[in-house]
């Protein structure tokens, strides 16, 4: 079963445009709190995004968006009791 997409997730998930801006601001050397203020997001959201989606070469918006989509699309496991 895939998670519900659409209205419920729009404000919760970062958009591709936000991820691109995050990558540019991070490459410019801005702090996570400054980035969060500029994007209008919580600093914890920015911290989690960077922790989950930063690769060896740094943060890339396209690969981060693909990884986030892949994680969100996994099916939930059924509990057999």
PDB file of N, CA and C in Angstrom:
ATOM      1  N   UNK A   1       0.842  -1.175   0.000  1.00  0.00           N
ATOM      2  CA  UNK A   1       0.000   0.000   0.000  1.00  0.00           C
ATOM      3  C   UNK A   1       0.886   1.237   0.000  1.00  0.00           C
ATOM      4  N   UNK A   2       0.694   2.102  -0.937  1.00  0.00           N
ATOM      5  CA  UNK A   2       1.483   3.325  -1.044  1.00  0.00           C
ATOM      6  C   UNK A   2       0.904   4.409  -0.141  1.00  0.00           C
ATOM      7  N   UNK A   3       1.764   5.284   0.371  1.00  0.00           N
ATOM      8  CA  UNK A   3       1.221   6.376   1.176  1.00  0.00           C
ATOM      9  C   UNK A   3       0.387   7.320   0.319  1.00  0.00           C
ATOM     10  N   UNK A   4      -0.522   7.982   0.972  1.00  0.00           N
ATOM     11  CA  UNK A   4      -1.420   8.888   0.270  1.00  0.00           C
ATOM     12  C   UNK A   4      -0.640  10.091  -0.239  1.00  0.00           C
ATOM     13  N   UNK A   5      -0.803  10.399  -1.490  1.00  0.00           N
ATOM     14  CA  UNK A   5      -0.155  11.571  -2.079  1.00  0.00           C
ATOM     15  C   UNK A   5      -1.231  12.607  -2.395  1.00  0.00           C
ATOM     16  N   UNK A   6      -0.823  13.851  -2.390  1.00  0.00           N
ATOM     17  CA  UNK A   6      -1.776  14.887  -2.771  1.00  0.00           C
ATOM     18  C   UNK A   6      -1.930  15.937  -1.703  1.00  0.00           C
ATOM     19  N   UNK A   7      -3.161  16.293  -1.411  1.00  0.00           N
ATOM     20  CA  UNK A   7      -3.442  17.415  -0.522  1.00  0.00           C
ATOM     21  C   UNK A   7      -2.775  17.306   0.839  1.00  0.00           C
ATOM     22  N   UNK A   8      -2.779  16.122   1.441  1.00  0.00           N
ATOM     23  CA  UNK A   8      -2.260  15.968   2.795  1.00  0.00           C
ATOM     24  C   UNK A   8      -0.762  16.161   2.921  1.00  0.00           C
ATOM     25  N   UNK A   9      -0.001  15.972   1.852  1.00  0.00           N
ATOM     26  CA  UNK A   9       1.449  16.025   1.945  1.00  0.00           C
ATOM     27  C   UNK A   9       2.059  17.304   1.379  1.00  0.00           C
ATOM     28  N   UNK A  10       1.292  18.152   0.755  1.00  0.00           N
ATOM     29  CA  UNK A  10       1.853  19.313   0.073  1.00  0.00           C
ATOM     30  C   UNK A  10       2.631  20.238   1.001  1.00  0.00           C
ATOM     31  N   UNK A  11       2.120  20.553   2.160  1.00  0.00           N
ATOM     32  CA  UNK A  11       2.812  21.457   3.062  1.00  0.00           C
ATOM     33  C   UNK A  11       3.900  20.774   3.873  1.00  0.00           C
ATOM     34  N   UNK A  12       3.835  19.469   3.971  1.00  0.00           N
ATOM     35  CA  UNK A  12       4.751  18.732   4.832  1.00  0.00           C
ATOM     36  C   UNK A  12       6.071  18.410   4.158  1.00  0.00           C
ATOM     37  N   UNK A  13       6.043  18.090   2.892  1.00  0.00           N
ATOM     38  CA  UNK A  13       7.247  17.670   2.170  1.00  0.00           C
ATOM     39  C   UNK A  13       7.868  18.861   1.447  1.00  0.00           C
ATOM     40  N   UNK A  14       9.190  18.814   1.313  1.00  0.00           N
ATOM     41  CA  UNK A  14       9.871  19.854   0.547  1.00  0.00           C
ATOM     42  C   UNK A  14       9.623  19.642  -0.939  1.00  0.00           C
ATOM     43  N   UNK A  15       9.413  20.718  -1.644  1.00  0.00           N
ATOM     44  CA  UNK A  15       9.246  20.626  -3.092  1.00  0.00           C
ATOM     45  C   UNK A  15      10.621  20.587  -3.750  1.00  0.00           C
ATOM     46  N   UNK A  16      10.644  20.276  -5.040  1.00  0.00           N
ATOM     47  CA  UNK A  16      11.916  20.242  -5.756  1.00  0.00           C
ATOM     48  C   UNK A  16      12.553  21.633  -5.786  1.00  0.00           C
ATOM     49  N   UNK A  17      11.746  22.658  -5.938  1.00  0.00           N
ATOM     50  CA  UNK A  17      12.264  24.039  -5.954  1.00  0.00           C
ATOM     51  C   UNK A  17      12.906  24.389  -4.611  1.00  0.00           C
ATOM     52  N   UNK A  18      12.269  23.966  -3.513  1.00  0.00           N
ATOM     53  CA  UNK A  18      12.847  24.215  -2.191  1.00  0.00           C
ATOM     54  C   UNK A  18      14.156  23.456  -2.008  1.00  0.00           C
ATOM     55  N   UNK A  19      14.205  22.235  -2.536  1.00  0.00           N
ATOM     56  CA  UNK A  19      15.445  21.460  -2.448  1.00  0.00           C
ATOM     57  C   UNK A  19      16.567  22.104  -3.263  1.00  0.00           C
ATOM     58  N   UNK A  20      16.236  22.650  -4.432  1.00  0.00           N
ATOM     59  CA  UNK A  20      17.254  23.348  -5.232  1.00  0.00           C
ATOM     60  C   UNK A  20      17.780  24.571  -4.492  1.00  0.00           C
ATOM     61  N   UNK A  21      16.870  25.334  -3.912  1.00  0.00           N
ATOM     62  CA  UNK A  21      17.282  26.521  -3.170  1.00  0.00           C
ATOM     63  C   UNK A  21      18.103  26.127  -1.944  1.00  0.00           C
ATOM     64  N   UNK A  22      17.719  25.053  -1.273  1.00  0.00           N
ATOM     65  CA  UNK A  22      18.470  24.550  -0.125  1.00  0.00           C
ATOM     66  C   UNK A  22      19.897  24.190  -0.523  1.00  0.00           C
ATOM     67  N   UNK A  23      20.051  23.516  -1.649  1.00  0.00           N
ATOM     68  CA  UNK A  23      21.379  23.145  -2.130  1.00  0.00           C
ATOM     69  C   UNK A  23      22.240  24.355  -2.449  1.00  0.00           C
ATOM     70  N   UNK A  24      21.651  25.374  -3.078  1.00  0.00           N
ATOM     71  CA  UNK A  24      22.395  26.583  -3.407  1.00  0.00           C
ATOM     72  C   UNK A  24      22.820  27.357  -2.149  1.00  0.00           C
ATOM     73  N   UNK A  25      21.899  27.453  -1.203  1.00  0.00           N
ATOM     74  CA  UNK A  25      22.208  28.181   0.027  1.00  0.00           C
ATOM     75  C   UNK A  25      23.246  27.443   0.866  1.00  0.00           C
ATOM     76  N   UNK A  26      23.161  26.130   0.885  1.00  0.00           N
ATOM     77  CA  UNK A  26      24.141  25.332   1.634  1.00  0.00           C
ATOM     78  C   UNK A  26      25.519  25.440   0.986  1.00  0.00           C
ATOM     79  N   UNK A  27      25.572  25.422  -0.339  1.00  0.00           N
ATOM     80  CA  UNK A  27      26.846  25.556  -1.050  1.00  0.00           C
ATOM     81  C   UNK A  27      27.450  26.948  -0.825  1.00  0.00           C
ATOM     82  N   UNK A  28      26.595  27.936  -0.589  1.00  0.00           N
ATOM     83  CA  UNK A  28      27.074  29.293  -0.322  1.00  0.00           C
ATOM     84  C   UNK A  28      27.591  29.446   1.106  1.00  0.00           C
ATOM     85  N   UNK A  29      27.424  28.404   1.921  1.00  0.00           N
ATOM     86  CA  UNK A  29      27.960  28.420   3.279  1.00  0.00           C
ATOM     87  C   UNK A  29      27.012  28.924   4.345  1.00  0.00           C
ATOM     88  N   UNK A  30      25.717  29.025   4.036  1.00  0.00           N
ATOM     89  CA  UNK A  30      24.757  29.499   5.032  1.00  0.00           C
ATOM     90  C   UNK A  30      24.487  28.413   6.067  1.00  0.00           C
ATOM     91  N   UNK A  31      24.132  28.826   7.265  1.00  0.00           N
ATOM     92  CA  UNK A  31      23.819  27.887   8.341  1.00  0.00           C
ATOM     93  C   UNK A  31      22.436  27.290   8.119  1.00  0.00           C
ATOM     94  N   UNK A  32      22.151  26.199   8.831  1.00  0.00           N
ATOM     95  CA  UNK A  32      20.845  25.558   8.693  1.00  0.00           C
ATOM     96  C   UNK A  32      19.727  26.474   9.174  1.00  0.00           C
ATOM     97  N   UNK A  33      19.983  27.215  10.232  1.00  0.00           N
ATOM     98  CA  UNK A  33      18.955  28.133  10.743  1.00  0.00           C
ATOM     99  C   UNK A  33      18.666  29.273   9.767  1.00  0.00           C
ATOM    100  N   UNK A  34      19.701  29.790   9.136  1.00  0.00           N
ATOM    101  CA  UNK A  34      19.508  30.864   8.149  1.00  0.00           C
ATOM    102  C   UNK A  34      18.748  30.333   6.932  1.00  0.00           C
ATOM    103  N   UNK A  35      19.069  29.118   6.519  1.00  0.00           N
ATOM    104  CA  UNK A  35      18.363  28.502   5.392  1.00  0.00           C
ATOM    105  C   UNK A  35      16.896  28.289   5.750  1.00  0.00           C
ATOM    106  N   UNK A  36      16.650  27.800   6.963  1.00  0.00           N
ATOM    107  CA  UNK A  36      15.276  27.554   7.415  1.00  0.00           C
ATOM    108  C   UNK A  36      14.468  28.847   7.413  1.00  0.00           C
ATOM    109  N   UNK A  37      15.065  29.916   7.874  1.00  0.00           N
ATOM    110  CA  UNK A  37      14.384  31.215   7.887  1.00  0.00           C
ATOM    111  C   UNK A  37      14.060  31.676   6.474  1.00  0.00           C
ATOM    112  N   UNK A  38      15.003  31.516   5.572  1.00  0.00           N
ATOM    113  CA  UNK A  38      14.798  31.952   4.188  1.00  0.00           C
ATOM    114  C   UNK A  38      13.728  31.122   3.485  1.00  0.00           C
ATOM    115  N   UNK A  39      13.676  29.813   3.770  1.00  0.00           N
ATOM    116  CA  UNK A  39      12.687  28.946   3.127  1.00  0.00           C
ATOM    117  C   UNK A  39      11.336  28.950   3.843  1.00  0.00           C
ATOM    118  N   UNK A  40      11.295  29.514   5.047  1.00  0.00           N
ATOM    119  CA  UNK A  40      10.053  29.511   5.813  1.00  0.00           C
ATOM    120  C   UNK A  40       9.742  28.142   6.391  1.00  0.00           C
ATOM    121  N   UNK A  41      10.780  27.397   6.731  1.00  0.00           N
ATOM    122  CA  UNK A  41      10.650  26.055   7.299  1.00  0.00           C
ATOM    123  C   UNK A  41      11.297  26.004   8.672  1.00  0.00           C
ATOM    124  N   UNK A  42      11.032  24.949   9.391  1.00  0.00           N
ATOM    125  CA  UNK A  42      11.650  24.736  10.691  1.00  0.00           C
ATOM    126  C   UNK A  42      13.108  24.311  10.511  1.00  0.00           C
ATOM    127  N   UNK A  43      13.996  24.734  11.406  1.00  0.00           N
ATOM    128  CA  UNK A  43      15.390  24.281  11.320  1.00  0.00           C
ATOM    129  C   UNK A  43      15.528  22.764  11.400  1.00  0.00           C
ATOM    130  N   UNK A  44      14.635  22.113  12.139  1.00  0.00           N
ATOM    131  CA  UNK A  44      14.696  20.651  12.231  1.00  0.00           C
ATOM    132  C   UNK A  44      14.363  19.992  10.894  1.00  0.00           C
ATOM    133  N   UNK A  45      13.486  20.595  10.115  1.00  0.00           N
ATOM    134  CA  UNK A  45      13.161  20.077   8.783  1.00  0.00           C
ATOM    135  C   UNK A  45      14.389  20.132   7.878  1.00  0.00           C
ATOM    136  N   UNK A  46      15.101  21.247   7.925  1.00  0.00           N
ATOM    137  CA  UNK A  46      16.308  21.413   7.112  1.00  0.00           C
ATOM    138  C   UNK A  46      17.382  20.435   7.567  1.00  0.00           C
ATOM    139  N   UNK A  47      17.540  20.294   8.876  1.00  0.00           N
ATOM    140  CA  UNK A  47      18.527  19.368   9.423  1.00  0.00           C
ATOM    141  C   UNK A  47      18.253  17.938   8.977  1.00  0.00           C
ATOM    142  N   UNK A  48      16.982  17.514   9.079  1.00  0.00           N
ATOM    143  CA  UNK A  48      16.610  16.154   8.661  1.00  0.00           C
ATOM    144  C   UNK A  48      16.822  15.951   7.174  1.00  0.00           C
ATOM    145  N   UNK A  49      16.463  16.930   6.376  1.00  0.00           N
ATOM    146  CA  UNK A  49      16.632  16.836   4.924  1.00  0.00           C
ATOM    147  C   UNK A  49      18.103  16.659   4.565  1.00  0.00           C
ATOM    148  N   UNK A  50      18.967  17.445   5.178  1.00  0.00           N
ATOM    149  CA  UNK A  50      20.398  17.347   4.887  1.00  0.00           C
ATOM    150  C   UNK A  50      20.978  16.020   5.395  1.00  0.00           C
ATOM    151  N   UNK A  51      20.540  15.579   6.562  1.00  0.00           N
ATOM    152  CA  UNK A  51      21.042  14.315   7.116  1.00  0.00           C
ATOM    153  C   UNK A  51      20.627  13.116   6.258  1.00  0.00           C
ATOM    154  N   UNK A  52      19.406  13.116   5.806  1.00  0.00           N
ATOM    155  CA  UNK A  52      18.895  11.969   5.045  1.00  0.00           C
ATOM    156  C   UNK A  52      19.370  11.936   3.601  1.00  0.00           C
ATOM    157  N   UNK A  53      19.584  13.093   2.997  1.00  0.00           N
ATOM    158  CA  UNK A  53      19.779  13.142   1.551  1.00  0.00           C
ATOM    159  C   UNK A  53      21.125  13.676   1.088  1.00  0.00           C
ATOM    160  N   UNK A  54      22.078  13.873   1.982  1.00  0.00           N
ATOM    161  CA  UNK A  54      23.397  14.321   1.566  1.00  0.00           C
ATOM    162  C   UNK A  54      24.243  13.110   1.198  1.00  0.00           C
ATOM    163  N   UNK A  55      24.847  13.168   0.037  1.00  0.00           N
ATOM    164  CA  UNK A  55      25.715  12.075  -0.413  1.00  0.00           C
ATOM    165  C   UNK A  55      27.164  12.474  -0.202  1.00  0.00           C
ATOM    166  N   UNK A  56      28.082  11.629  -0.617  1.00  0.00           N
ATOM    167  CA  UNK A  56      29.512  11.867  -0.414  1.00  0.00           C
ATOM    168  C   UNK A  56      29.949  13.190  -1.040  1.00  0.00           C
ATOM    169  N   UNK A  57      29.476  13.506  -2.219  1.00  0.00           N
ATOM    170  CA  UNK A  57      29.872  14.738  -2.909  1.00  0.00           C
ATOM    171  C   UNK A  57      29.182  15.990  -2.412  1.00  0.00           C
ATOM    172  N   UNK A  58      28.199  15.855  -1.534  1.00  0.00           N
ATOM    173  CA  UNK A  58      27.442  17.003  -1.040  1.00  0.00           C
ATOM    174  C   UNK A  58      25.959  16.816  -1.296  1.00  0.00           C
ATOM    175  N   UNK A  59      25.199  17.876  -1.145  1.00  0.00           N
ATOM    176  CA  UNK A  59      23.752  17.839  -1.311  1.00  0.00           C
ATOM    177  C   UNK A  59      23.389  18.208  -2.741  1.00  0.00           C
ATOM    178  N   UNK A  60      22.722  17.299  -3.440  1.00  0.00           N
ATOM    179  CA  UNK A  60      22.229  17.559  -4.797  1.00  0.00           C
ATOM    180  C   UNK A  60      20.706  17.449  -4.785  1.00  0.00           C
ATOM    181  N   UNK A  61      20.032  18.487  -5.254  1.00  0.00           N
ATOM    182  CA  UNK A  61      18.574  18.536  -5.200  1.00  0.00           C
ATOM    183  C   UNK A  61      17.925  17.397  -5.979  1.00  0.00           C
ATOM    184  N   UNK A  62      18.451  17.072  -7.155  1.00  0.00           N
ATOM    185  CA  UNK A  62      17.816  16.035  -7.978  1.00  0.00           C
ATOM    186  C   UNK A  62      17.911  14.664  -7.315  1.00  0.00           C
ATOM    187  N   UNK A  63      19.073  14.314  -6.784  1.00  0.00           N
ATOM    188  CA  UNK A  63      19.198  13.004  -6.130  1.00  0.00           C
ATOM    189  C   UNK A  63      18.444  12.991  -4.803  1.00  0.00           C
ATOM    190  N   UNK A  64      18.424  14.119  -4.095  1.00  0.00           N
ATOM    191  CA  UNK A  64      17.678  14.196  -2.839  1.00  0.00           C
ATOM    192  C   UNK A  64      16.188  13.999  -3.076  1.00  0.00           C
ATOM    193  N   UNK A  65      15.666  14.618  -4.127  1.00  0.00           N
ATOM    194  CA  UNK A  65      14.250  14.478  -4.451  1.00  0.00           C
ATOM    195  C   UNK A  65      13.924  13.032  -4.823  1.00  0.00           C
ATOM    196  N   UNK A  66      14.801  12.397  -5.583  1.00  0.00           N
ATOM    197  CA  UNK A  66      14.585  11.004  -5.975  1.00  0.00           C
ATOM    198  C   UNK A  66      14.630  10.082  -4.756  1.00  0.00           C
ATOM    199  N   UNK A  67      15.586  10.299  -3.870  1.00  0.00           N
ATOM    200  CA  UNK A  67      15.680   9.456  -2.666  1.00  0.00           C
ATOM    201  C   UNK A  67      14.465   9.630  -1.764  1.00  0.00           C
ATOM    202  N   UNK A  68      14.005  10.868  -1.595  1.00  0.00           N
ATOM    203  CA  UNK A  68      12.831  11.119  -0.766  1.00  0.00           C
ATOM    204  C   UNK A  68      11.590  10.474  -1.368  1.00  0.00           C
ATOM    205  N   UNK A  69      11.440  10.559  -2.684  1.00  0.00           N
ATOM    206  CA  UNK A  69      10.299   9.941  -3.357  1.00  0.00           C
ATOM    207  C   UNK A  69      10.348   8.422  -3.199  1.00  0.00           C
ATOM    208  N   UNK A  70      11.529   7.855  -3.345  1.00  0.00           N
ATOM    209  CA  UNK A  70      11.685   6.406  -3.213  1.00  0.00           C
ATOM    210  C   UNK A  70      11.331   5.946  -1.799  1.00  0.00           C
ATOM    211  N   UNK A  71      11.779   6.672  -0.784  1.00  0.00           N
ATOM    212  CA  UNK A  71      11.465   6.306   0.596  1.00  0.00           C
ATOM    213  C   UNK A  71       9.981   6.431   0.869  1.00  0.00           C
ATOM    214  N   UNK A  72       9.338   7.455   0.334  1.00  0.00           N
ATOM    215  CA  UNK A  72       7.914   7.666   0.582  1.00  0.00           C
ATOM    216  C   UNK A  72       7.052   6.642  -0.142  1.00  0.00           C
ATOM    217  N   UNK A  73       7.573   6.036  -1.187  1.00  0.00           N
ATOM    218  CA  UNK A  73       6.767   5.124  -1.995  1.00  0.00           C
ATOM    219  C   UNK A  73       6.835   3.675  -1.548  1.00  0.00           C
ATOM    220  N   UNK A  74       7.617   3.384  -0.529  1.00  0.00           N
ATOM    221  CA  UNK A  74       7.743   1.981  -0.143  1.00  0.00           C
ATOM    222  C   UNK A  74       6.424   1.468   0.427  1.00  0.00           C
ATOM    223  N   UNK A  75       6.104   0.215   0.184  1.00  0.00           N
ATOM    224  CA  UNK A  75       4.855  -0.325   0.720  1.00  0.00           C
ATOM    225  C   UNK A  75       4.990  -0.597   2.220  1.00  0.00           C
ATOM    226  N   UNK A  76       3.904  -0.474   2.934  1.00  0.00           N
ATOM    227  CA  UNK A  76       3.938  -0.781   4.345  1.00  0.00           C
ATOM    228  C   UNK A  76       3.810  -2.284   4.535  1.00  0.00           C
ATOM    229  N   UNK A  77       4.485  -2.781   5.549  1.00  0.00           N
ATOM    230  CA  UNK A  77       4.451  -4.222   5.840  1.00  0.00           C
ATOM    231  C   UNK A  77       3.188  -4.549   6.626  1.00  0.00           C
ATOM    232  N   UNK A  78       2.614  -5.677   6.307  1.00  0.00           N
ATOM    233  CA  UNK A  78       1.417  -6.108   7.034  1.00  0.00           C
ATOM    234  C   UNK A  78       1.851  -6.832   8.287  1.00  0.00           C
ATOM    235  N   UNK A  79       1.117  -6.628   9.309  1.00  0.00           N
ATOM    236  CA  UNK A  79       1.395  -7.277  10.584  1.00  0.00           C
ATOM    237  C   UNK A  79       0.542  -8.541  10.664  1.00  0.00           C
ATOM    238  N   UNK A  80       1.173  -9.680  10.783  1.00  0.00           N
ATOM    239  CA  UNK A  80       0.454 -10.963  10.912  1.00  0.00           C
ATOM    240  C   UNK A  80       0.486 -11.383  12.360  1.00  0.00           C
ATOM    241  N   UNK A  81      -0.638 -11.362  12.969  1.00  0.00           N
ATOM    242  CA  UNK A  81      -0.702 -11.762  14.394  1.00  0.00           C
ATOM    243  C   UNK A  81      -1.712 -12.838  14.595  1.00  0.00           C
TER     244      UNK A  81
END
